Amino acid sequence: MSTKEKILDVALTLFAKNGYDGTSVEQIAGIVGIKAPSLYKPFIAR
């Protein structure tokens, strides 16, 4: 599973559990195992 797929999977799980407003970038990044600023890199068009 790619980092992008992991991010999406974790985000979906947290959004379902906590709602969009109850989920932080830091939470998603922490579970994926990356730093919060690195969360955006897989989504930048190349």
N, C-alpha and C. Protein backbone atom coordinates (compact mmCIF):
# COMPACT_ATOMS: atom_id res chain seq x y z
N MET A 1 0.85 -1.17 0.00
CA MET A 1 0.00 0.00 0.00
C MET A 1 0.90 1.24 0.00
N SER A 2 0.62 2.16 -0.88
CA SER A 2 1.42 3.38 -0.97
C SER A 2 1.10 4.32 0.19
N THR A 3 1.96 5.28 0.41
CA THR A 3 1.73 6.27 1.46
C THR A 3 0.42 7.02 1.21
N LYS A 4 0.17 7.36 -0.03
CA LYS A 4 -1.07 8.06 -0.37
C LYS A 4 -2.29 7.22 0.02
N GLU A 5 -2.25 5.94 -0.30
CA GLU A 5 -3.36 5.05 0.04
C GLU A 5 -3.52 4.90 1.55
N LYS A 6 -2.39 4.84 2.28
CA LYS A 6 -2.45 4.76 3.74
C LYS A 6 -3.10 6.01 4.32
N ILE A 7 -2.70 7.18 3.81
CA ILE A 7 -3.27 8.44 4.28
C ILE A 7 -4.78 8.45 4.07
N LEU A 8 -5.21 8.09 2.89
CA LEU A 8 -6.64 8.08 2.58
C LEU A 8 -7.40 7.09 3.45
N ASP A 9 -6.83 5.93 3.68
CA ASP A 9 -7.47 4.90 4.50
C ASP A 9 -7.61 5.37 5.95
N VAL A 10 -6.53 5.91 6.49
CA VAL A 10 -6.56 6.40 7.88
C VAL A 10 -7.52 7.58 8.00
N ALA A 11 -7.46 8.50 7.05
CA ALA A 11 -8.33 9.67 7.10
C ALA A 11 -9.80 9.25 7.07
N LEU A 12 -10.15 8.35 6.19
CA LEU A 12 -11.53 7.88 6.09
C LEU A 12 -11.99 7.24 7.40
N THR A 13 -11.14 6.44 7.98
CA THR A 13 -11.47 5.78 9.25
C THR A 13 -11.69 6.82 10.35
N LEU A 14 -10.78 7.79 10.45
CA LEU A 14 -10.92 8.81 11.49
C LEU A 14 -12.12 9.72 11.24
N PHE A 15 -12.37 10.07 9.98
CA PHE A 15 -13.54 10.91 9.67
C PHE A 15 -14.83 10.19 10.06
N ALA A 16 -14.88 8.89 9.79
CA ALA A 16 -16.08 8.11 10.13
C ALA A 16 -16.27 8.04 11.65
N LYS A 17 -15.15 7.94 12.36
CA LYS A 17 -15.21 7.80 13.82
C LYS A 17 -15.43 9.14 14.53
N ASN A 18 -14.67 10.17 14.11
CA ASN A 18 -14.64 11.45 14.84
C ASN A 18 -15.30 12.60 14.10
N GLY A 19 -15.65 12.39 12.84
CA GLY A 19 -16.16 13.48 12.01
C GLY A 19 -15.00 14.29 11.45
N TYR A 20 -15.33 15.11 10.45
CA TYR A 20 -14.30 15.91 9.80
C TYR A 20 -13.70 16.92 10.76
N ASP A 21 -14.56 17.60 11.53
CA ASP A 21 -14.07 18.61 12.47
C ASP A 21 -13.33 18.01 13.65
N GLY A 22 -13.55 16.74 13.92
CA GLY A 22 -12.90 16.09 15.05
C GLY A 22 -11.63 15.35 14.70
N THR A 23 -11.17 15.52 13.47
CA THR A 23 -9.95 14.84 13.00
C THR A 23 -8.92 15.88 12.61
N SER A 24 -7.70 15.70 13.10
CA SER A 24 -6.64 16.66 12.77
C SER A 24 -5.62 16.04 11.82
N VAL A 25 -4.92 16.92 11.15
CA VAL A 25 -3.83 16.50 10.26
C VAL A 25 -2.79 15.74 11.08
N GLU A 26 -2.53 16.22 12.28
CA GLU A 26 -1.54 15.58 13.15
C GLU A 26 -1.94 14.16 13.51
N GLN A 27 -3.24 13.94 13.74
CA GLN A 27 -3.72 12.59 14.04
C GLN A 27 -3.48 11.65 12.85
N ILE A 28 -3.86 12.10 11.68
CA ILE A 28 -3.70 11.28 10.48
C ILE A 28 -2.22 10.96 10.26
N ALA A 29 -1.39 11.98 10.29
CA ALA A 29 0.05 11.79 10.06
C ALA A 29 0.65 10.85 11.10
N GLY A 30 0.27 11.02 12.36
CA GLY A 30 0.83 10.19 13.42
C GLY A 30 0.52 8.71 13.23
N ILE A 31 -0.69 8.41 12.83
CA ILE A 31 -1.07 7.01 12.60
C ILE A 31 -0.36 6.45 11.38
N VAL A 32 -0.22 7.26 10.34
CA VAL A 32 0.47 6.80 9.13
C VAL A 32 1.97 6.63 9.38
N GLY A 33 2.50 7.41 10.34
CA GLY A 33 3.92 7.31 10.67
C GLY A 33 4.78 8.33 9.95
N ILE A 34 4.18 9.48 9.62
CA ILE A 34 4.91 10.56 8.98
C ILE A 34 4.66 11.85 9.76
N LYS A 35 5.44 12.88 9.44
CA LYS A 35 5.23 14.18 10.07
C LYS A 35 4.11 14.92 9.35
N ALA A 36 3.38 15.74 10.07
CA ALA A 36 2.20 16.42 9.52
C ALA A 36 2.50 17.17 8.21
N PRO A 37 3.59 17.94 8.10
CA PRO A 37 3.82 18.65 6.84
C PRO A 37 4.03 17.71 5.63
N SER A 38 4.47 16.48 5.90
CA SER A 38 4.69 15.51 4.82
C SER A 38 3.40 14.90 4.31
N LEU A 39 2.31 15.16 5.00
CA LEU A 39 1.02 14.58 4.63
C LEU A 39 0.57 15.01 3.24
N TYR A 40 0.94 16.21 2.84
CA TYR A 40 0.46 16.78 1.57
C TYR A 40 1.27 16.33 0.36
N LYS A 41 2.51 15.93 0.57
CA LYS A 41 3.41 15.62 -0.54
C LYS A 41 2.85 14.61 -1.56
N PRO A 42 2.25 13.51 -1.12
CA PRO A 42 1.74 12.54 -2.11
C PRO A 42 0.60 13.07 -2.99
N PHE A 43 0.02 14.20 -2.62
CA PHE A 43 -1.12 14.74 -3.35
C PHE A 43 -0.76 15.89 -4.28
N ILE A 44 0.50 16.28 -4.28
CA ILE A 44 0.94 17.39 -5.14
C ILE A 44 1.15 16.84 -6.55
N ALA A 45 0.52 17.49 -7.53
CA ALA A 45 0.65 17.07 -8.93
C ALA A 45 2.09 17.26 -9.39
N ARG A 46 2.54 16.30 -10.14
CA ARG A 46 3.93 16.37 -10.64
C ARG A 46 3.93 16.49 -12.12
